[in-house]
Amino acid sequence: MKPFFQRLQQDTPPFFRTLRNIGLCLAAAGTTIVAAPIELPSFIVTIANYLIVAGSVASAISQATVMEEDK
């Protein structure tokens, strides 16, 4: 098994690149809502926190997926 950091530097399949980018957008949207300078209802802030977590997890897992060559 390859070390974790070498694995992160390998090519990512196209589907997982798209999923990673969607996850980054979800995390960014959630962060923007949480950091808003106005008072928002608590359920919106709660949903934004879930967006941050889901987007971060999706991005991290998608980045760790690699395309292995057939032997």
Protein backbone atom coordinates (compact mmCIF):
# COMPACT_ATOMS: atom_id res chain seq x y z
CA MET A 1 0.00 0.00 0.00
CA LYS A 2 1.29 3.41 -0.93
CA PRO A 3 1.81 6.11 1.66
CA PHE A 4 -1.13 8.43 2.06
CA PHE A 5 0.52 11.59 0.72
CA GLN A 6 1.81 9.85 -2.42
CA ARG A 7 -1.70 8.57 -3.01
CA LEU A 8 -3.12 12.11 -2.83
CA GLN A 9 -0.74 13.24 -5.57
CA GLN A 10 -1.79 10.60 -8.10
CA ASP A 11 -4.39 11.09 -10.84
CA THR A 12 -8.00 11.28 -9.73
CA PRO A 13 -10.71 9.78 -12.00
CA PRO A 14 -12.93 12.38 -13.75
CA PHE A 15 -16.08 11.46 -11.79
CA PHE A 16 -14.32 11.98 -8.47
CA ARG A 17 -12.81 15.29 -9.64
CA THR A 18 -16.35 16.50 -10.31
CA LEU A 19 -17.53 15.18 -6.94
CA ARG A 20 -14.57 16.90 -5.22
CA ASN A 21 -15.45 20.23 -6.85
CA ILE A 22 -19.10 19.90 -5.83
CA GLY A 23 -18.00 19.15 -2.27
CA LEU A 24 -15.78 22.22 -2.23
CA CYS A 25 -18.70 24.36 -3.45
CA LEU A 26 -20.99 22.95 -0.73
CA ALA A 27 -18.39 23.66 1.95
CA ALA A 28 -17.85 27.18 0.62
CA ALA A 29 -21.58 27.90 0.55
CA GLY A 30 -22.01 26.62 4.10
CA THR A 31 -19.08 28.69 5.32
CA THR A 32 -20.49 31.80 3.66
CA ILE A 33 -23.84 31.32 5.37
CA VAL A 34 -22.26 30.70 8.79
CA ALA A 35 -20.01 33.75 8.46
CA ALA A 36 -22.81 36.05 7.30
CA PRO A 37 -22.77 39.38 9.16
CA ILE A 38 -26.54 39.28 9.72
CA GLU A 39 -28.59 37.25 12.15
CA LEU A 40 -30.04 34.15 10.47
CA PRO A 41 -32.58 31.67 11.83
CA SER A 42 -30.96 28.80 13.70
CA PHE A 43 -32.22 26.11 11.30
CA ILE A 44 -30.43 27.82 8.39
CA VAL A 45 -27.17 27.92 10.36
CA THR A 46 -27.64 24.26 11.28
CA ILE A 47 -28.15 23.31 7.62
CA ALA A 48 -25.06 25.36 6.71
CA ASN A 49 -23.01 23.44 9.28
CA TYR A 50 -24.16 20.16 7.72
CA LEU A 51 -23.18 21.50 4.28
CA ILE A 52 -19.69 22.27 5.55
CA VAL A 53 -19.25 18.78 6.99
CA ALA A 54 -20.72 16.96 3.98
CA GLY A 55 -18.73 19.03 1.50
CA SER A 56 -15.48 18.55 3.40
CA VAL A 57 -15.93 14.79 3.69
CA ALA A 58 -16.90 14.42 0.02
CA SER A 59 -13.88 16.46 -1.07
CA ALA A 60 -11.42 14.57 1.11
CA ILE A 61 -12.66 11.12 0.06
CA SER A 62 -12.79 12.10 -3.61
CA GLN A 63 -9.24 13.41 -3.51
CA ALA A 64 -7.98 10.16 -2.00
CA THR A 65 -9.50 8.06 -4.81
CA VAL A 66 -6.94 7.10 -7.45
CA MET A 67 -7.02 5.46 -10.85
CA GLU A 68 -4.97 2.26 -10.73
CA GLU A 69 -3.43 0.74 -13.81
CA ASP A 70 -4.48 -2.76 -14.82
CA LYS A 71 -1.72 -5.31 -14.50
